[in-house]
């Protein structure tokens, strides 16, 4: 894997976790007692899986 690939993966992971945090904040408006870490991890997992599938296809 090239350095560009590594940087790209790091950028993707950073962006995914930022999006997950943003999503959790919006969800917390409707469900105030959401577990922060579990919610962000769940959203990030789905986003990363979608990114992986789209790259593979």
Protein backbone atom coordinates (compact mmCIF):
# COMPACT_ATOMS: atom_id res chain seq x y z
CA UNK A 1 0.00 0.00 0.00
CA UNK A 2 1.32 3.43 -0.86
CA UNK A 3 1.55 6.40 1.44
CA UNK A 4 -1.29 7.98 -0.52
CA UNK A 5 -3.48 4.99 0.30
CA UNK A 6 -2.66 5.25 3.99
CA UNK A 7 -3.39 8.98 4.07
CA UNK A 8 -6.63 8.37 2.22
CA UNK A 9 -7.67 5.74 4.77
CA UNK A 10 -6.81 8.04 7.67
CA UNK A 11 -8.80 10.86 6.09
CA UNK A 12 -11.75 8.56 5.51
CA UNK A 13 -11.73 7.28 9.08
CA UNK A 14 -11.47 10.81 10.48
CA UNK A 15 -14.34 12.02 8.31
CA UNK A 16 -16.48 9.02 9.24
CA UNK A 17 -16.04 9.57 12.97
CA UNK A 18 -16.78 13.30 12.59
CA UNK A 19 -19.98 12.41 10.71
CA UNK A 20 -20.86 9.85 13.38
CA UNK A 21 -20.46 12.45 16.11
CA UNK A 22 -22.63 14.87 14.15
CA UNK A 23 -25.31 12.20 13.65
CA UNK A 24 -25.27 11.28 17.33
CA UNK A 25 -25.80 14.92 18.31
CA UNK A 26 -28.83 15.14 16.05
CA UNK A 27 -30.23 11.82 17.29
CA UNK A 28 -29.77 12.96 20.90
CA UNK A 29 -32.37 15.66 20.30
CA UNK A 30 -34.97 12.92 19.87
CA UNK A 31 -33.48 10.30 22.20
CA UNK A 32 -31.61 12.17 24.95
CA UNK A 33 -30.37 9.09 26.81
CA UNK A 34 -28.41 7.57 23.90
CA UNK A 35 -25.06 6.11 24.85
CA UNK A 36 -22.60 8.44 23.14
CA UNK A 37 -19.81 5.98 22.43
CA UNK A 38 -22.05 3.13 21.28
CA UNK A 39 -24.07 5.39 18.99
CA UNK A 40 -21.02 6.98 17.37
CA UNK A 41 -19.36 3.57 16.95
CA UNK A 42 -22.50 2.09 15.36
CA UNK A 43 -22.85 4.95 12.89
CA UNK A 44 -19.12 4.89 12.08
CA UNK A 45 -19.23 1.14 11.53
CA UNK A 46 -22.04 1.45 9.00
CA UNK A 47 -20.36 4.34 7.19
CA UNK A 48 -17.02 2.53 6.99
CA UNK A 49 -18.70 -0.64 5.75
CA UNK A 50 -20.50 1.34 3.05
CA UNK A 51 -17.24 2.99 2.01
CA UNK A 52 -15.51 -0.40 1.86
CA UNK A 53 -18.32 -1.92 -0.22
CA UNK A 54 -18.37 1.00 -2.63
CA UNK A 55 -14.59 0.75 -3.14
CA UNK A 56 -14.77 -3.01 -3.69
CA UNK A 57 -17.57 -2.77 -6.23
